[in-house]
Protein backbone atom coordinates (compact mmCIF):
# COMPACT_ATOMS: atom_id res chain seq x y z
CA UNK A 1 -67.68 -46.01 6.69
CA UNK A 2 -64.89 -45.54 9.20
CA UNK A 3 -61.25 -44.73 8.47
CA UNK A 4 -58.31 -46.16 10.40
CA UNK A 5 -56.08 -43.13 10.06
CA UNK A 6 -52.95 -44.76 11.50
CA UNK A 7 -51.88 -48.39 11.38
CA UNK A 8 -48.70 -50.36 10.70
CA UNK A 9 -49.67 -53.08 8.26
CA UNK A 10 -46.02 -53.79 7.48
CA UNK A 11 -45.31 -54.98 11.03
CA UNK A 12 -45.03 -58.75 11.26
CA UNK A 13 -48.07 -59.29 13.50
CA UNK A 14 -50.32 -57.88 10.78
CA UNK A 15 -48.32 -58.49 7.60
CA UNK A 16 -48.17 -62.24 8.26
CA UNK A 17 -51.97 -62.37 7.99
CA UNK A 18 -52.59 -59.32 5.83
CA UNK A 19 -55.38 -60.74 3.58
CA UNK A 20 -57.39 -61.72 6.67
CA UNK A 21 -56.68 -58.39 8.39
CA UNK A 22 -57.90 -56.47 5.35
CA UNK A 23 -60.96 -58.70 5.02
CA UNK A 24 -61.93 -58.26 8.68
CA UNK A 25 -61.53 -54.50 8.33
CA UNK A 26 -63.93 -54.51 5.40
CA UNK A 27 -66.45 -56.61 7.30
CA UNK A 28 -66.30 -54.11 10.18
CA UNK A 29 -67.02 -51.19 7.87
CA UNK A 30 -63.50 -49.80 7.69
CA UNK A 31 -63.38 -48.26 4.22
CA UNK A 32 -59.89 -46.77 4.25
CA UNK A 33 -56.65 -47.58 6.07
CA UNK A 34 -53.54 -45.42 6.26
CA UNK A 35 -50.40 -47.49 6.84
CA UNK A 36 -47.56 -45.46 8.30
CA UNK A 37 -43.86 -45.45 7.44
CA UNK A 38 -41.39 -45.46 10.33
CA UNK A 39 -37.96 -45.67 8.65
CA UNK A 40 -36.41 -45.50 5.22
CA UNK A 41 -35.46 -49.17 4.95
CA UNK A 42 -39.05 -50.21 5.53
CA UNK A 43 -40.64 -47.61 3.26
CA UNK A 44 -40.70 -49.81 0.09
CA UNK A 45 -42.69 -52.47 1.96
CA UNK A 46 -45.17 -49.89 3.23
CA UNK A 47 -45.56 -48.47 -0.27
CA UNK A 48 -46.01 -51.93 -1.76
CA UNK A 49 -48.90 -52.66 0.60
CA UNK A 50 -50.62 -49.45 -0.46
CA UNK A 51 -50.01 -50.12 -4.14
CA UNK A 52 -51.64 -53.56 -3.89
CA UNK A 53 -54.84 -52.37 -2.19
CA UNK A 54 -57.17 -49.70 -3.55
CA UNK A 55 -58.42 -48.73 -0.08
CA UNK A 56 -54.99 -48.47 1.60
CA UNK A 57 -52.81 -45.37 1.45
CA UNK A 58 -49.42 -44.75 3.05
CA UNK A 59 -46.98 -42.12 4.25
CA UNK A 60 -43.26 -41.50 4.09
CA UNK A 61 -41.33 -40.62 7.21
CA UNK A 62 -39.05 -41.51 10.09
CA UNK A 63 -40.26 -42.37 13.59
CA UNK A 64 -38.22 -40.68 16.34
CA UNK A 65 -37.02 -44.13 17.41
CA UNK A 66 -35.31 -44.43 14.01
CA UNK A 67 -33.95 -40.89 13.87
CA UNK A 68 -30.34 -41.89 14.52
CA UNK A 69 -30.51 -44.62 11.87
CA UNK A 70 -31.87 -42.20 9.25
CA UNK A 71 -30.20 -39.02 10.47
CA UNK A 72 -28.96 -38.07 6.99
CA UNK A 73 -32.37 -38.11 5.31
CA UNK A 74 -33.15 -34.67 3.89
CA UNK A 75 -36.33 -32.70 3.36
CA UNK A 76 -35.71 -32.98 -0.37
CA UNK A 77 -35.69 -36.79 -0.19
CA UNK A 78 -38.97 -36.82 1.73
CA UNK A 79 -40.55 -34.44 -0.77
CA UNK A 80 -39.41 -36.57 -3.70
CA UNK A 81 -40.79 -39.80 -2.24
CA UNK A 82 -44.05 -38.04 -1.37
CA UNK A 83 -44.80 -37.51 -5.06
CA UNK A 84 -46.06 -41.08 -5.38
CA UNK A 85 -49.87 -41.15 -5.83
CA UNK A 86 -50.37 -43.47 -2.84
CA UNK A 87 -48.33 -41.34 -0.43
CA UNK A 88 -50.75 -38.98 1.30
CA UNK A 89 -48.87 -37.85 4.43
CA UNK A 90 -45.48 -37.04 5.96
CA UNK A 91 -44.41 -39.05 8.99
CA UNK A 92 -44.70 -40.36 11.43
CA UNK A 93 -42.19 -38.01 12.96
CA UNK A 94 -41.79 -36.16 16.22
CA UNK A 95 -40.19 -36.61 19.60
CA UNK A 96 -40.07 -39.55 22.01
CA UNK A 97 -38.27 -38.80 25.26
CA UNK A 98 -39.76 -41.83 27.02
CA UNK A 99 -37.52 -44.38 25.32
CA UNK A 100 -34.83 -42.02 23.96
CA UNK A 101 -33.92 -44.60 21.30
CA UNK A 102 -32.28 -41.79 19.32
CA UNK A 103 -30.42 -38.69 20.52
CA UNK A 104 -32.84 -35.88 21.24
CA UNK A 105 -31.03 -33.34 19.08
CA UNK A 106 -31.26 -35.74 16.12
CA UNK A 107 -34.97 -36.26 16.77
CA UNK A 108 -35.52 -32.50 16.80
CA UNK A 109 -33.54 -31.96 13.59
CA UNK A 110 -35.46 -34.62 11.68
CA UNK A 111 -38.76 -33.35 13.08
CA UNK A 112 -38.09 -29.94 11.53
CA UNK A 113 -37.13 -31.54 8.20
CA UNK A 114 -40.43 -33.39 8.12
CA UNK A 115 -42.30 -30.18 8.90
CA UNK A 116 -40.54 -28.49 6.01
CA UNK A 117 -41.57 -31.37 3.75
CA UNK A 118 -45.20 -31.07 4.89
CA UNK A 119 -45.12 -27.33 4.23
CA UNK A 120 -43.64 -27.80 0.76
CA UNK A 121 -45.91 -30.66 -0.35
CA UNK A 122 -49.07 -29.59 1.44
CA UNK A 123 -49.39 -33.11 2.82
CA UNK A 124 -50.33 -33.47 6.50
CA UNK A 125 -47.64 -34.03 9.11
CA UNK A 126 -48.22 -37.05 11.39
CA UNK A 127 -46.75 -36.20 14.80
CA UNK A 128 -45.68 -38.69 17.47
CA UNK A 129 -45.01 -37.16 20.87
CA UNK A 130 -44.31 -38.97 24.13
CA UNK A 131 -42.97 -37.32 27.29
CA UNK A 132 -41.95 -34.42 25.05
CA UNK A 133 -44.93 -32.06 25.04
CA UNK A 134 -42.96 -28.87 25.70
CA UNK A 135 -40.38 -29.42 22.97
CA UNK A 136 -43.00 -30.73 20.53
CA UNK A 137 -45.14 -27.63 20.98
CA UNK A 138 -42.16 -25.27 20.84
CA UNK A 139 -41.03 -26.73 17.51
CA UNK A 140 -44.54 -26.82 16.03
CA UNK A 141 -45.22 -23.21 16.95
CA UNK A 142 -41.80 -22.02 15.81
CA UNK A 143 -42.22 -23.74 12.45
CA UNK A 144 -45.82 -22.60 12.08
CA UNK A 145 -44.65 -19.00 12.31
CA UNK A 146 -42.43 -19.69 9.28
CA UNK A 147 -45.44 -20.86 7.27
CA UNK A 148 -48.55 -22.92 7.92
CA UNK A 149 -48.67 -26.67 7.34
CA UNK A 150 -51.42 -29.26 7.85
CA UNK A 151 -50.99 -31.96 10.45
CA UNK A 152 -52.20 -34.02 13.38
CA UNK A 153 -51.12 -35.38 16.72
CA UNK A 154 -51.53 -39.13 16.36
CA UNK A 155 -52.40 -41.57 19.14
CA UNK A 156 -53.27 -38.69 21.41
CA UNK A 157 -52.14 -39.18 25.00
CA UNK A 158 -50.74 -35.72 25.71
CA UNK A 159 -51.98 -32.78 27.73
CA UNK A 160 -55.06 -30.66 27.18
CA UNK A 161 -52.71 -27.71 26.76
CA UNK A 162 -50.95 -29.39 23.82
CA UNK A 163 -54.28 -30.35 22.26
CA UNK A 164 -55.59 -26.81 22.55
CA UNK A 165 -52.43 -25.27 21.12
CA UNK A 166 -52.49 -27.66 18.17
CA UNK A 167 -56.16 -26.98 17.48
CA UNK A 168 -55.26 -23.27 17.47
CA UNK A 169 -52.86 -24.08 14.61
CA UNK A 170 -55.74 -25.91 12.87
CA UNK A 171 -54.13 -29.29 13.48
CA UNK A 172 -56.16 -32.42 14.12
CA UNK A 173 -56.13 -34.84 17.04
CA UNK A 174 -56.24 -38.58 16.33
CA UNK A 175 -57.81 -40.80 18.98
CA UNK A 176 -56.54 -44.33 19.60
CA UNK A 177 -57.57 -47.22 21.81
CA UNK A 178 -55.91 -45.42 24.73
CA UNK A 179 -59.16 -43.46 25.08
CA UNK A 180 -60.92 -46.69 26.14
CA UNK A 181 -58.46 -47.55 28.92
CA UNK A 182 -59.70 -47.25 32.49
CA UNK A 183 -56.65 -45.20 33.50
CA UNK A 184 -57.04 -42.70 30.64
CA UNK A 185 -59.53 -40.24 32.17
CA UNK A 186 -57.10 -37.30 31.67
CA UNK A 187 -57.01 -38.15 27.96
CA UNK A 188 -60.81 -38.32 27.79
CA UNK A 189 -61.08 -35.00 29.62
CA UNK A 190 -58.72 -33.37 27.12
CA UNK A 191 -60.72 -34.80 24.20
CA UNK A 192 -63.95 -33.30 25.52
CA UNK A 193 -62.53 -29.86 24.76
CA UNK A 194 -61.44 -30.70 21.19
CA UNK A 195 -63.95 -29.64 18.49
CA UNK A 196 -65.46 -32.51 16.53
CA UNK A 197 -64.10 -31.08 13.28
CA UNK A 198 -60.55 -31.63 14.59
CA UNK A 199 -60.91 -35.33 15.48
CA UNK A 200 -59.87 -38.54 13.73
CA UNK A 201 -59.79 -42.16 14.92
CA UNK A 202 -57.01 -44.71 14.57
CA UNK A 203 -55.74 -48.03 15.90
CA UNK A 204 -51.95 -47.58 15.84
CA UNK A 205 -52.15 -51.33 15.28
CA UNK A 206 -50.65 -53.76 16.06
CA UNK A 207 -50.32 -51.82 19.34
CA UNK A 208 -52.80 -50.50 21.92
CA UNK A 209 -55.83 -52.67 21.25
CA UNK A 210 -58.93 -50.98 22.68
CA UNK A 211 -61.25 -52.48 25.25
CA UNK A 212 -62.75 -55.11 24.80
CA UNK A 213 -59.66 -56.47 22.96
CA UNK A 214 -57.07 -55.21 25.44
CA UNK A 215 -53.99 -57.44 25.41
CA UNK A 216 -54.62 -58.81 21.93
CA UNK A 217 -52.85 -57.86 18.71
CA UNK A 218 -54.60 -54.72 17.53
CA UNK A 219 -55.86 -54.47 13.95
CA UNK A 220 -57.83 -51.94 11.85
CA UNK A 221 -61.22 -53.61 12.43
CA UNK A 222 -60.94 -52.70 16.12
CA UNK A 223 -61.16 -48.96 15.38
CA UNK A 224 -64.94 -49.32 15.71
CA UNK A 225 -64.52 -49.61 19.49
CA UNK A 226 -62.48 -46.43 19.66
CA UNK A 227 -65.10 -44.62 17.59
CA UNK A 228 -67.84 -45.84 19.92
CA UNK A 229 -65.89 -44.61 22.94
CA UNK A 230 -65.26 -41.26 21.28
CA UNK A 231 -69.01 -40.91 20.68
CA UNK A 232 -69.57 -41.47 24.39
CA UNK A 233 -66.85 -38.95 25.32
CA UNK A 234 -68.31 -36.29 23.03
CA UNK A 235 -71.93 -37.04 23.87
CA UNK A 236 -72.98 -37.70 20.27
CA UNK A 237 -74.15 -40.73 18.32
CA UNK A 238 -71.80 -43.35 16.90
CA UNK A 239 -73.09 -42.52 13.42
CA UNK A 240 -72.13 -38.87 13.87
CA UNK A 241 -68.60 -39.85 14.91
CA UNK A 242 -68.40 -42.20 11.93
CA UNK A 243 -69.50 -39.54 9.47
CA UNK A 244 -67.54 -36.68 11.02
CA UNK A 245 -64.21 -38.43 11.50
CA UNK A 246 -64.37 -39.83 7.97
CA UNK A 247 -65.10 -36.40 6.51
CA UNK A 248 -62.29 -34.97 8.65
CA UNK A 249 -59.86 -37.55 7.31
CA UNK A 250 -60.56 -36.76 3.67
CA UNK A 251 -60.42 -33.03 4.32
CA UNK A 252 -57.01 -33.36 5.99
CA UNK A 253 -55.60 -36.10 3.75
CA UNK A 254 -56.97 -34.46 0.63
CA UNK A 255 -54.71 -36.49 -1.67
CA UNK A 256 -56.49 -39.69 -0.62
CA UNK A 257 -59.42 -40.65 -2.84
CA UNK A 258 -62.75 -41.29 -1.18
CA UNK A 259 -64.27 -44.60 -2.37
CA UNK A 260 -66.97 -44.11 -4.97
């Protein structure tokens, strides 16, 4: 069994064909999918998807692109929504200085509120970071000194320095289809230094379809290609990556129930 630890099943490209997407995932051996919240208005839809499928869990959180829209959301609200049995993580949250769709100070404020929610609930923090490594690391380390919290860097495309610092805080690194791209050798080099016990795999679908599906709408079934590439990067068998990343997921997302 493989786990797609980060997908967006509420996005139109996938939601419009959700029964087929879920069926193809099952046929590919994807046993669990984690569909990720990105803003408060869309959270009920994300939760509904998880409630209707035994093997789909979800999160609650605000993507940095939506930070300005949801600037008033409090840690207490996140904690309250996270009590639902199907909510197993906090996020995605973080910093995106590439698009700057929300003011940076608002992104940073909400990032810290999500961290506080992860610390209080014990649920893992799902971190998005793009062109913001320095500020992301500064906030993570500052907050970690206030009290530990579980978490991961999702869709890893950052520096080896950020990966190493996050591993030092016992955070995980989630590998997406980016690792299969021809231009992503720096990402692959960084991943070679990450211990196997800190690695997960994801699609971030409907985005970033891995080779050999580059340019198509990504979906959870395609995570098998990322897992195969990660096996090559780490110099281990595909079955070891399958077993290890699945075990890592359930250790980190301990609220999620492993299928019987």
